[in-house]
Amino acid sequence: MGHPTLPPELTQAPAQRPGVATIATTPEWFEWWLQAFGTPQCGVWQTADAHLRVPYRLERDVIAGVPVMTARGATNDHTPRYDVLGEPFDPLPQLRAAGSDLSASVLRFDYVSDASRLMLALRERARAEGLLWHLDFCEASPWVDCTGDWDQYWLDRGKTRQTWARKERKLMEREGATFHVVTERAELDEVFEEVLEVEASGWKGREGTAIHQQPDTLAFYTALARGCAERGWLRLFLLRHEGAIVAFQLCTCLAGTVSMLKIGFREEHARTSPGQVLQTRILRWAFAESDITAFDLLGGGGEAFGTKLKWANRVEILHTVRVFRPTPASALAWARYVAGPAVKQRLRRPASAAADPDGAADKGTDTSGKGGNVA
């Protein structure tokens, strides 16, 4: 997905952002992820003193017929954020050592926040140290700043709020639906099978991508939900109608940030929009909780992204970070991922930009050197 055009007010950066505190950048997350999705090519590289740990998975790319080993962050489609683990972080020797130990010419990290340890270290020190690295757009992640006033937030949703409010009144007040928050392991065990059944009731079940249809995915979310419940991090939101779960959101809560990881609703109840009603109730709850500062809707594309933007009052841009070791193979990778796209972009510039010798017409559009620093 290309970089979306977003209203400036959505990309403002208050002090607290989802990238600062998220379940996906904890040691526990990577433990559960590696147990479920790990292969012999996955692991955690660490410094001799174990102060820095880099969860990774190795893969072999082929560029111009030449194999290039890449160490990627331990991420997949279930990952909302990525970061290295531990402090302190000295990017030049430590990342080069990781690449050398893993025989990787390129290190690639997706879903990286500006507020991450990795990004802060690169921006503060990598330029001076001569580390060759580059940023690409990964995805936009909508979120809700919950530190303000609920009434103002709701008013800012515009005409859409009228539809959501009407659906909420119908389902909650007239039809007697109820809202629940599951936090404890015992209650989780009572409802988890039904939650999985709800998630598989729609297109995911038909396409074979529901959680319980994939053993590794089932293992991951089972360990995640149970582990979070045992640590006080679980927030499993349920909407019940006539006793049955008609919609759910599997979320976590860590350091004031609620992260939405999985959602679902019973397809036979689609006409009542139980998913949107549940989202309304969750956000009412979040604004009322004094310790909640952010609700992270996570990224993604397609129709779901457009819906998330209607709820969001902020968007965090996540990056793909590539770090290049000084090897012949990494030179090929630099040409493929950095130099080549930059040349193509310049060739596609309109005639008006080409006629501008100072590049004023192209200001802010050329990202070929963004973050890609060579001392």
Protein backbone atom coordinates (compact mmCIF):
# COMPACT_ATOMS: atom_id res chain seq x y z
CA MET A 1 0.00 0.00 0.00
CA GLY A 2 1.36 3.42 -0.90
CA HIS A 3 1.55 6.29 1.53
CA PRO A 4 -2.07 7.48 1.98
CA THR A 5 -3.00 11.15 1.88
CA LEU A 6 -4.07 12.04 5.42
CA PRO A 7 -5.47 15.24 6.91
CA PRO A 8 -2.70 17.07 8.83
CA GLU A 9 -4.66 17.00 12.08
CA LEU A 10 -4.57 13.19 12.09
CA THR A 11 -0.77 13.03 12.11
CA GLN A 12 -0.19 15.37 15.04
CA ALA A 13 2.06 13.81 17.65
CA PRO A 14 1.00 14.30 21.29
CA ALA A 15 3.22 13.07 24.09
CA GLN A 16 1.58 9.65 24.36
CA ARG A 17 1.40 7.53 21.19
CA PRO A 18 0.66 3.83 20.65
CA GLY A 19 4.25 3.26 19.51
CA VAL A 20 5.50 4.23 22.96
CA ALA A 21 3.66 1.46 24.82
CA THR A 22 2.36 -1.56 22.98
CA ILE A 23 2.06 -5.25 23.71
CA ALA A 24 3.82 -6.11 20.44
CA THR A 25 7.19 -4.74 21.57
CA THR A 26 7.42 -6.71 24.83
CA PRO A 27 9.53 -9.84 25.46
CA GLU A 28 6.33 -11.77 26.16
CA TRP A 29 4.93 -11.01 22.70
CA PHE A 30 8.04 -12.30 20.97
CA GLU A 31 8.07 -15.42 23.16
CA TRP A 32 4.50 -16.24 22.15
CA TRP A 33 5.17 -15.29 18.51
CA LEU A 34 8.28 -17.45 18.19
CA GLN A 35 6.61 -20.42 19.86
CA ALA A 36 3.71 -20.25 17.40
CA PHE A 37 5.27 -19.03 14.14
CA GLY A 38 8.96 -19.69 14.66
CA THR A 39 11.04 -21.86 12.34
CA PRO A 40 14.72 -22.91 12.44
CA GLN A 41 15.39 -19.58 10.66
CA CYS A 42 13.94 -17.57 13.57
CA GLY A 43 15.40 -16.57 16.88
CA VAL A 44 16.59 -13.73 19.11
CA TRP A 45 20.06 -12.31 18.52
CA GLN A 46 21.59 -10.62 21.54
CA THR A 47 24.71 -8.82 22.63
CA ALA A 48 27.16 -10.57 24.94
CA ASP A 49 25.70 -8.77 27.95
CA ALA A 50 22.11 -9.42 26.70
CA HIS A 51 21.33 -5.71 27.03
CA LEU A 52 20.13 -5.62 23.42
CA ARG A 53 18.01 -8.35 21.85
CA VAL A 54 16.81 -8.45 18.25
CA PRO A 55 14.00 -10.94 17.48
CA TYR A 56 14.50 -12.02 13.84
CA ARG A 57 13.65 -14.37 11.02
CA LEU A 58 16.07 -15.08 8.18
CA GLU A 59 15.08 -15.18 4.54
CA ARG A 60 16.99 -15.30 1.29
CA ASP A 61 16.16 -12.68 -1.32
CA VAL A 62 17.36 -12.91 -4.92
CA ILE A 63 18.43 -9.63 -6.53
CA ALA A 64 19.69 -9.66 -10.12
CA GLY A 65 20.21 -13.39 -9.78
CA VAL A 66 22.34 -12.99 -6.65
CA PRO A 67 21.15 -14.42 -3.30
CA VAL A 68 21.06 -11.81 -0.56
CA MET A 69 20.51 -12.98 3.02
CA THR A 70 18.18 -10.69 4.96
CA ALA A 71 17.52 -10.74 8.68
CA ARG A 72 14.00 -9.42 9.16
CA GLY A 73 12.33 -8.54 12.39
CA ALA A 74 10.21 -11.34 13.82
CA THR A 75 6.95 -10.08 12.32
CA ASN A 76 4.08 -11.26 10.14
CA ASP A 77 0.49 -10.25 9.35
CA HIS A 78 -0.43 -10.53 13.02
CA THR A 79 2.16 -7.93 14.08
CA PRO A 80 1.00 -4.35 14.82
CA ARG A 81 4.40 -2.91 15.86
CA TYR A 82 8.05 -3.95 16.02
CA ASP A 83 10.98 -2.83 18.12
CA VAL A 84 14.24 -4.22 19.42
CA LEU A 85 14.37 -5.17 23.09
CA GLY A 86 16.53 -3.66 25.78
CA GLU A 87 18.78 -0.71 26.51
CA PRO A 88 21.23 0.85 25.80
CA PHE A 89 21.34 0.80 22.04
CA ASP A 90 24.42 1.74 19.99
CA PRO A 91 23.27 1.16 16.40
CA LEU A 92 26.52 1.00 14.42
CA PRO A 93 28.45 -1.77 16.20
CA GLN A 94 25.44 -3.65 17.47
CA LEU A 95 23.45 -3.85 14.23
CA ARG A 96 26.58 -4.65 12.24
CA ALA A 97 27.40 -7.39 14.73
CA ALA A 98 23.88 -8.80 14.41
CA GLY A 99 24.19 -8.86 10.63
CA SER A 100 27.61 -10.48 10.80
CA ASP A 101 26.57 -13.15 13.31
CA LEU A 102 23.49 -13.98 11.22
CA SER A 103 25.43 -13.84 7.91
CA ALA A 104 22.93 -11.24 6.70
CA SER A 105 23.86 -8.40 4.37
CA VAL A 106 20.62 -6.52 5.10
CA LEU A 107 18.58 -6.09 8.25
CA ARG A 108 14.94 -5.23 7.63
CA PHE A 109 12.43 -4.17 10.26
CA ASP A 110 8.74 -3.55 9.43
CA TYR A 111 6.04 -1.79 11.50
CA VAL A 112 8.54 0.54 13.20
CA SER A 113 7.23 3.60 15.05
CA ASP A 114 9.03 6.92 15.29
CA ALA A 115 8.80 6.47 19.05
CA SER A 116 10.53 3.08 19.04
CA ARG A 117 13.94 2.42 20.57
CA LEU A 118 15.23 1.40 17.15
CA MET A 119 14.14 4.60 15.40
CA LEU A 120 15.29 6.90 18.19
CA ALA A 121 18.74 5.33 18.21
CA LEU A 122 19.09 5.48 14.44
CA ARG A 123 18.06 9.11 14.20
CA GLU A 124 20.18 10.23 17.13
CA ARG A 125 23.40 8.38 16.38
CA ALA A 126 23.51 6.53 13.06
CA ARG A 127 24.29 9.57 10.88
CA ALA A 128 27.34 10.51 12.93
CA GLU A 129 28.53 6.91 13.10
CA GLY A 130 28.27 6.29 9.36
CA LEU A 131 25.67 3.53 9.38
CA LEU A 132 23.97 3.04 6.03
CA TRP A 133 20.21 2.80 6.51
CA HIS A 134 16.98 3.79 4.80
CA LEU A 135 13.30 4.31 5.56
CA ASP A 136 10.29 3.30 3.50
CA PHE A 137 6.61 3.71 4.27
CA CYS A 138 5.17 0.55 5.82
CA GLU A 139 1.62 1.43 6.82
CA ALA A 140 -0.57 4.04 8.46
CA SER A 141 -2.02 3.06 11.82
CA PRO A 142 -5.13 4.98 12.94
CA TRP A 143 -5.66 5.54 16.65
CA VAL A 144 -7.81 7.49 19.06
CA ASP A 145 -6.36 9.98 21.55
CA CYS A 146 -8.56 9.33 24.58
CA THR A 147 -7.19 12.12 26.78
CA GLY A 148 -9.69 14.71 25.63
CA ASP A 149 -13.40 15.24 26.17
CA TRP A 150 -15.75 12.51 24.94
CA ASP A 151 -18.47 14.92 23.86
CA GLN A 152 -16.02 16.86 21.68
CA TYR A 153 -14.60 13.68 20.19
CA TRP A 154 -18.09 12.43 19.40
CA LEU A 155 -19.07 15.77 17.87
CA ASP A 156 -15.96 15.68 15.66
CA ARG A 157 -17.11 12.42 14.08
CA GLY A 158 -19.50 14.46 11.97
CA LYS A 159 -22.59 12.99 10.34
CA THR A 160 -21.30 9.44 10.77
CA ARG A 161 -21.95 9.61 14.50
CA GLN A 162 -25.66 9.92 13.85
CA THR A 163 -25.71 6.54 12.14
CA TRP A 164 -23.62 4.96 14.88
CA ALA A 165 -25.81 6.47 17.61
CA ARG A 166 -28.99 5.21 15.94
CA LYS A 167 -27.55 1.68 15.64
CA GLU A 168 -26.39 1.82 19.27
CA ARG A 169 -29.81 2.88 20.60
CA LYS A 170 -31.60 0.21 18.61
CA LEU A 171 -29.37 -2.67 19.64
CA MET A 172 -28.60 -1.66 23.22
CA GLU A 173 -31.79 0.03 24.40
CA ARG A 174 -34.55 -1.54 22.30
CA GLU A 175 -33.16 -5.04 21.79
CA GLY A 176 -31.39 -5.38 25.14
CA ALA A 177 -27.83 -6.11 24.03
CA THR A 178 -25.19 -5.90 26.77
CA PHE A 179 -21.54 -4.81 26.89
CA HIS A 180 -18.88 -6.80 28.77
CA VAL A 181 -15.15 -6.52 29.44
CA VAL A 182 -13.28 -9.77 30.13
CA THR A 183 -9.98 -9.40 31.98
CA GLU A 184 -9.57 -12.57 34.06
CA ARG A 185 -8.26 -15.98 32.95
CA ALA A 186 -11.23 -17.92 34.34
CA GLU A 187 -13.80 -15.87 32.40
CA LEU A 188 -11.60 -15.97 29.29
CA ASP A 189 -11.61 -19.76 29.38
CA GLU A 190 -15.41 -19.73 29.55
CA VAL A 191 -15.90 -17.59 26.42
CA PHE A 192 -12.83 -18.17 24.22
CA GLU A 193 -14.30 -21.00 22.16
CA GLU A 194 -17.41 -18.95 21.42
CA VAL A 195 -15.23 -15.98 20.44
CA LEU A 196 -13.40 -18.19 17.94
CA GLU A 197 -16.74 -19.41 16.61
CA VAL A 198 -17.89 -15.81 16.07
CA GLU A 199 -14.64 -14.92 14.30
CA ALA A 200 -15.13 -17.85 11.90
CA SER A 201 -18.78 -17.10 11.19
CA GLY A 202 -18.10 -14.78 8.26
CA TRP A 203 -15.73 -14.48 5.32
CA LYS A 204 -12.71 -15.61 7.33
CA GLY A 205 -14.32 -18.96 7.94
CA ARG A 206 -15.31 -19.32 4.29
CA GLU A 207 -11.80 -18.49 3.12
CA GLY A 208 -10.09 -20.71 5.67
CA THR A 209 -8.28 -17.86 7.44
CA ALA A 210 -10.10 -17.88 10.77
CA ILE A 211 -7.98 -18.32 13.88
CA HIS A 212 -9.11 -21.85 14.68
CA GLN A 213 -8.53 -23.01 11.10
CA GLN A 214 -4.76 -22.42 11.29
CA PRO A 215 -2.87 -24.31 14.02
CA ASP A 216 -0.03 -21.79 14.36
CA THR A 217 -2.42 -18.83 14.53
CA LEU A 218 -4.60 -20.63 17.07
CA ALA A 219 -1.55 -21.41 19.20
CA PHE A 220 -0.44 -17.78 19.09
CA TYR A 221 -3.74 -16.17 20.04
CA THR A 222 -4.43 -18.77 22.70
CA ALA A 223 -1.06 -18.13 24.35
CA LEU A 224 -1.49 -14.37 23.89
CA ALA A 225 -4.95 -14.22 25.43
CA ARG A 226 -4.10 -16.49 28.35
CA GLY A 227 -0.76 -14.83 29.01
CA CYS A 228 -2.25 -11.35 28.94
CA ALA A 229 -5.07 -12.39 31.25
CA GLU A 230 -2.55 -13.74 33.76
CA ARG A 231 -0.60 -10.44 33.64
CA GLY A 232 -3.61 -8.13 33.84
CA TRP A 233 -3.21 -6.94 30.23
CA LEU A 234 -6.26 -8.59 28.66
CA ARG A 235 -9.24 -6.52 27.54
CA LEU A 236 -11.63 -8.80 25.67
CA PHE A 237 -14.71 -6.75 24.80
CA LEU A 238 -17.97 -8.59 24.13
CA LEU A 239 -21.37 -7.58 22.88
CA ARG A 240 -24.08 -10.07 23.85
CA HIS A 241 -27.59 -10.30 22.46
CA GLU A 242 -30.06 -12.74 23.98
CA GLY A 243 -27.15 -14.36 25.80
CA ALA A 244 -25.00 -15.03 22.73
CA ILE A 245 -21.84 -13.17 21.73
CA VAL A 246 -22.62 -11.24 18.55
CA ALA A 247 -19.41 -9.20 18.37
CA PHE A 248 -16.02 -9.12 20.06
CA GLN A 249 -12.72 -7.28 20.12
CA LEU A 250 -9.63 -9.01 21.44
CA CYS A 251 -7.53 -6.17 22.88
CA THR A 252 -4.69 -5.65 25.29
CA CYS A 253 -4.02 -2.78 27.67
CA LEU A 254 -0.46 -1.78 28.53
CA ALA A 255 0.78 1.52 29.97
CA GLY A 256 -2.42 3.33 29.03
CA THR A 257 -2.67 2.07 25.45
CA VAL A 258 -5.46 -0.31 24.42
CA SER A 259 -4.44 -2.22 21.29
CA MET A 260 -7.06 -3.88 19.10
CA LEU A 261 -5.67 -7.19 17.83
CA LYS A 262 -8.65 -9.20 16.53
CA ILE A 263 -12.29 -8.40 15.88
CA GLY A 264 -15.33 -10.27 14.67
CA PHE A 265 -19.12 -10.38 14.61
CA ARG A 266 -21.78 -12.94 13.79
CA GLU A 267 -22.60 -12.53 10.13
CA GLU A 268 -26.27 -13.33 10.67
CA HIS A 269 -26.50 -10.19 12.82
CA ALA A 270 -24.83 -7.91 10.25
CA ARG A 271 -27.98 -5.82 9.69
CA THR A 272 -27.74 -4.47 13.27
CA SER A 273 -24.03 -3.51 12.86
CA PRO A 274 -22.90 -5.17 16.12
CA GLY A 275 -19.24 -4.45 15.35
CA GLN A 276 -19.82 -0.70 15.08
CA VAL A 277 -22.03 -0.69 18.16
CA LEU A 278 -19.33 -2.50 20.10
CA GLN A 279 -16.71 -0.02 18.88
CA THR A 280 -18.87 2.86 20.11
CA ARG A 281 -19.25 1.26 23.52
CA ILE A 282 -15.52 0.51 23.80
CA LEU A 283 -14.57 4.10 23.07
CA ARG A 284 -17.12 5.42 25.55
CA TRP A 285 -15.51 3.10 28.09
CA ALA A 286 -11.96 4.20 27.14
CA PHE A 287 -12.71 7.91 27.48
CA ALA A 288 -14.29 7.27 30.88
CA GLU A 289 -11.23 5.36 32.18
CA SER A 290 -8.73 7.86 33.58
CA ASP A 291 -5.74 5.59 32.98
CA ILE A 292 -6.47 5.06 29.27
CA THR A 293 -4.68 7.52 26.98
CA ALA A 294 -4.91 5.84 23.55
CA PHE A 295 -6.96 3.28 21.66
CA ASP A 296 -4.88 1.78 18.86
CA LEU A 297 -7.01 0.70 15.89
CA LEU A 298 -3.96 -0.73 14.10
CA GLY A 299 -3.16 -0.50 10.42
CA GLY A 300 -4.22 -2.38 7.35
CA GLY A 301 -5.71 -1.47 4.02
CA GLY A 302 -8.90 -1.67 2.03
CA GLU A 303 -12.37 -0.87 3.28
CA ALA A 304 -11.43 -1.57 6.92
CA PHE A 305 -8.83 1.20 6.85
CA GLY A 306 -11.41 3.73 5.67
CA THR A 307 -13.74 2.72 8.49
CA LYS A 308 -10.95 3.03 11.05
CA LEU A 309 -10.19 6.55 9.84
CA LYS A 310 -13.77 7.54 10.67
CA TRP A 311 -13.13 6.58 14.29
CA ALA A 312 -9.56 7.90 14.50
CA ASN A 313 -8.49 11.35 15.58
CA ARG A 314 -4.80 10.53 15.03
CA VAL A 315 -2.74 8.40 12.64
CA GLU A 316 0.75 7.08 13.31
CA ILE A 317 2.98 6.39 10.31
CA LEU A 318 4.96 3.17 10.62
CA HIS A 319 8.17 2.56 8.71
CA THR A 320 10.14 -0.20 7.07
CA VAL A 321 13.77 0.23 8.16
CA ARG A 322 16.61 -1.33 6.17
CA VAL A 323 20.15 -1.37 7.49
CA PHE A 324 22.89 -2.25 5.00
CA ARG A 325 26.18 -3.89 5.99
CA PRO A 326 29.31 -3.06 3.95
CA THR A 327 29.18 -6.12 1.66
CA PRO A 328 28.83 -6.55 -2.13
CA ALA A 329 25.42 -8.17 -1.64
CA SER A 330 24.15 -5.20 0.36
CA ALA A 331 25.25 -2.89 -2.48
CA LEU A 332 22.86 -4.81 -4.75
CA ALA A 333 20.13 -4.45 -2.13
CA TRP A 334 20.77 -0.70 -1.87
CA ALA A 335 20.42 -0.41 -5.64
CA ARG A 336 17.21 -2.46 -5.59
CA TYR A 337 15.44 -0.81 -2.67
CA VAL A 338 16.89 2.71 -2.54
CA ALA A 339 18.77 3.96 -5.61
CA GLY A 340 16.54 2.29 -8.20
CA PRO A 341 13.22 3.59 -6.82
CA ALA A 342 14.75 7.07 -6.43
CA VAL A 343 15.76 7.13 -10.10
CA LYS A 344 12.33 5.92 -11.20
CA GLN A 345 10.65 8.58 -9.09
CA ARG A 346 12.73 11.34 -10.64
CA LEU A 347 12.01 10.04 -14.13
CA ARG A 348 8.28 10.19 -13.38
CA ARG A 349 8.43 13.83 -12.27
CA PRO A 350 6.15 16.12 -14.28
CA ALA A 351 7.73 18.56 -16.71
CA SER A 352 7.06 21.47 -14.34
CA ALA A 353 9.16 19.81 -11.64
CA ALA A 354 11.93 18.94 -14.08
CA ALA A 355 12.10 22.61 -15.11
CA ASP A 356 12.54 23.71 -11.51
CA PRO A 357 16.31 23.81 -10.94
CA ASP A 358 15.98 24.28 -7.19
CA GLY A 359 13.57 21.37 -6.78
CA ALA A 360 10.96 23.58 -5.14
CA ALA A 361 8.13 21.92 -7.06
CA ASP A 362 9.32 18.55 -5.81
CA LYS A 363 9.99 19.53 -2.22
CA GLY A 364 8.97 16.85 0.24
CA THR A 365 8.21 14.16 -2.34
CA ASP A 366 11.61 12.54 -2.87
CA THR A 367 12.23 10.03 -0.11
CA SER A 368 15.20 8.33 -1.74
CA GLY A 369 17.55 9.69 0.89
CA LYS A 370 15.14 9.84 3.82
CA GLY A 371 17.00 8.26 6.67
CA GLY A 372 19.45 6.72 4.24
CA ASN A 373 22.57 8.25 5.61
CA VAL A 374 26.18 7.74 4.58
CA ALA A 375 28.85 9.60 6.51
